[in-house]
Amino acid sequence: MSAPPRIAPSASASASGRPLDGQEVELQEIATGHLRTARSVTVLSPAARSVLTLVVPGTGAPAITCSDGLVTVRTPGGPVSFPLRLDR
């Protein structure tokens, strides 16, 4: 398996793409279906009031923007957007 993915920083973190304090990137066994498992890269985050971790396959440095309540991730396959609510 290739190297673990870079982790996009939060708005308060540096733009290094490295895990935030307390986050870990590990290879773990995950369930892929009934009685089926596979090894996969996982991101473990410590308990927090709110955490948003974006894993973008195919790029080590995805461009991520937040504007007017919308998160846009520029991926190799084109941009993907979704609404972001910070009040939860």
C-alpha atoms as a PDB file:
ATOM      1  CA  MET A   1       0.000   0.000   0.000  1.00  0.00           C
ATOM      2  CA  SER A   2       1.227   3.521  -0.690  1.00  0.00           C
ATOM      3  CA  ALA A   3       2.152   6.080   1.949  1.00  0.00           C
ATOM      4  CA  PRO A   4      -0.646   7.357   4.220  1.00  0.00           C
ATOM      5  CA  PRO A   5      -2.559  10.315   2.775  1.00  0.00           C
ATOM      6  CA  ARG A   6      -1.821  13.862   3.810  1.00  0.00           C
ATOM      7  CA  ILE A   7      -4.472  15.392   6.033  1.00  0.00           C
ATOM      8  CA  ALA A   8      -5.952  18.728   5.043  1.00  0.00           C
ATOM      9  CA  PRO A   9      -5.487  21.251   7.847  1.00  0.00           C
ATOM     10  CA  SER A  10      -8.338  22.970   9.630  1.00  0.00           C
ATOM     11  CA  ALA A  11      -8.817  26.704   9.305  1.00  0.00           C
ATOM     12  CA  SER A  12      -6.722  27.217  12.448  1.00  0.00           C
ATOM     13  CA  ALA A  13      -3.886  24.883  11.420  1.00  0.00           C
ATOM     14  CA  SER A  14      -0.944  25.514   9.155  1.00  0.00           C
ATOM     15  CA  ALA A  15      -1.233  24.566   5.491  1.00  0.00           C
ATOM     16  CA  SER A  16       1.227  21.683   5.845  1.00  0.00           C
ATOM     17  CA  GLY A  17      -1.308  18.939   5.143  1.00  0.00           C
ATOM     18  CA  ARG A  18       0.095  17.047   8.134  1.00  0.00           C
ATOM     19  CA  PRO A  19      -2.075  15.566  10.904  1.00  0.00           C
ATOM     20  CA  LEU A  20      -3.221  18.017  13.561  1.00  0.00           C
ATOM     21  CA  ASP A  21      -2.166  17.606  17.186  1.00  0.00           C
ATOM     22  CA  GLY A  22      -3.548  14.317  18.435  1.00  0.00           C
ATOM     23  CA  GLN A  23      -4.505  12.954  15.011  1.00  0.00           C
ATOM     24  CA  GLU A  24      -2.930   9.729  13.793  1.00  0.00           C
ATOM     25  CA  VAL A  25      -2.809   8.150  10.354  1.00  0.00           C
ATOM     26  CA  GLU A  26      -2.670   4.357  10.564  1.00  0.00           C
ATOM     27  CA  LEU A  27      -3.162   1.235   8.505  1.00  0.00           C
ATOM     28  CA  GLN A  28      -6.035  -0.706  10.116  1.00  0.00           C
ATOM     29  CA  GLU A  29      -8.450  -3.527   9.385  1.00  0.00           C
ATOM     30  CA  ILE A  30     -11.890  -2.176   8.396  1.00  0.00           C
ATOM     31  CA  ALA A  31     -15.203  -3.877   7.616  1.00  0.00           C
ATOM     32  CA  THR A  32     -16.085  -3.675   3.910  1.00  0.00           C
ATOM     33  CA  GLY A  33     -19.251  -5.743   4.170  1.00  0.00           C
ATOM     34  CA  HIS A  34     -20.796  -8.670   5.978  1.00  0.00           C
ATOM     35  CA  LEU A  35     -17.913 -10.883   7.182  1.00  0.00           C
ATOM     36  CA  ARG A  36     -15.457  -9.050   4.881  1.00  0.00           C
ATOM     37  CA  THR A  37     -12.514  -6.932   5.926  1.00  0.00           C
ATOM     38  CA  ALA A  38      -9.611  -5.133   4.277  1.00  0.00           C
ATOM     39  CA  ARG A  39      -6.581  -3.158   5.386  1.00  0.00           C
ATOM     40  CA  SER A  40      -7.031   0.572   4.825  1.00  0.00           C
ATOM     41  CA  VAL A  41      -5.476   3.865   5.817  1.00  0.00           C
ATOM     42  CA  THR A  42      -7.531   5.436   8.610  1.00  0.00           C
ATOM     43  CA  VAL A  43      -7.444   8.814  10.352  1.00  0.00           C
ATOM     44  CA  LEU A  44      -7.941   8.749  14.123  1.00  0.00           C
ATOM     45  CA  SER A  45      -8.841  12.018  15.839  1.00  0.00           C
ATOM     46  CA  PRO A  46      -9.025  12.736  19.564  1.00  0.00           C
ATOM     47  CA  ALA A  47     -12.344  13.575  21.192  1.00  0.00           C
ATOM     48  CA  ALA A  48     -13.398  17.120  20.335  1.00  0.00           C
ATOM     49  CA  ARG A  49     -16.531  19.261  20.247  1.00  0.00           C
ATOM     50  CA  SER A  50     -16.340  19.193  16.446  1.00  0.00           C
ATOM     51  CA  VAL A  51     -13.820  17.899  13.924  1.00  0.00           C
ATOM     52  CA  LEU A  52     -13.948  17.848  10.147  1.00  0.00           C
ATOM     53  CA  THR A  53     -11.280  15.749   8.466  1.00  0.00           C
ATOM     54  CA  LEU A  54     -11.206  15.587   4.676  1.00  0.00           C
ATOM     55  CA  VAL A  55      -9.333  12.766   2.981  1.00  0.00           C
ATOM     56  CA  VAL A  56      -8.957  13.461  -0.738  1.00  0.00           C
ATOM     57  CA  PRO A  57      -7.693  10.449  -2.709  1.00  0.00           C
ATOM     58  CA  GLY A  58      -5.411  11.031  -5.643  1.00  0.00           C
ATOM     59  CA  THR A  59      -3.602  14.152  -4.481  1.00  0.00           C
ATOM     60  CA  GLY A  60      -1.110  14.992  -1.754  1.00  0.00           C
ATOM     61  CA  ALA A  61      -2.071  18.657  -1.631  1.00  0.00           C
ATOM     62  CA  PRO A  62      -5.761  19.229  -2.407  1.00  0.00           C
ATOM     63  CA  ALA A  63      -7.021  22.796  -2.683  1.00  0.00           C
ATOM     64  CA  ILE A  64      -9.793  23.312  -0.123  1.00  0.00           C
ATOM     65  CA  THR A  65     -11.772  26.524   0.289  1.00  0.00           C
ATOM     66  CA  CYS A  66     -14.619  27.565   2.588  1.00  0.00           C
ATOM     67  CA  SER A  67     -16.827  30.425   1.465  1.00  0.00           C
ATOM     68  CA  ASP A  68     -20.444  31.415   2.171  1.00  0.00           C
ATOM     69  CA  GLY A  69     -21.125  28.178   4.085  1.00  0.00           C
ATOM     70  CA  LEU A  70     -19.848  25.978   1.250  1.00  0.00           C
ATOM     71  CA  VAL A  71     -16.721  23.791   1.278  1.00  0.00           C
ATOM     72  CA  THR A  72     -15.135  23.214  -2.125  1.00  0.00           C
ATOM     73  CA  VAL A  73     -12.454  20.574  -2.639  1.00  0.00           C
ATOM     74  CA  ARG A  74     -10.556  20.626  -5.914  1.00  0.00           C
ATOM     75  CA  THR A  75      -9.845  16.987  -6.783  1.00  0.00           C
ATOM     76  CA  PRO A  76      -8.115  15.384  -9.784  1.00  0.00           C
ATOM     77  CA  GLY A  77     -11.624  14.534 -11.057  1.00  0.00           C
ATOM     78  CA  GLY A  78     -12.891  18.124 -10.718  1.00  0.00           C
ATOM     79  CA  PRO A  79     -14.264  20.304  -7.908  1.00  0.00           C
ATOM     80  CA  VAL A  80     -16.667  18.885  -5.299  1.00  0.00           C
ATOM     81  CA  SER A  81     -18.712  21.151  -3.004  1.00  0.00           C
ATOM     82  CA  PHE A  82     -20.874  20.542   0.049  1.00  0.00           C
ATOM     83  CA  PRO A  83     -22.584  22.769   2.653  1.00  0.00           C
ATOM     84  CA  LEU A  84     -20.827  23.309   5.970  1.00  0.00           C
ATOM     85  CA  ARG A  85     -22.730  24.075   9.167  1.00  0.00           C
ATOM     86  CA  LEU A  86     -20.550  25.145  12.049  1.00  0.00           C
ATOM     87  CA  ASP A  87     -23.370  25.411  14.606  1.00  0.00           C
ATOM     88  CA  ARG A  88     -23.585  21.664  15.338  1.00  0.00           C
END
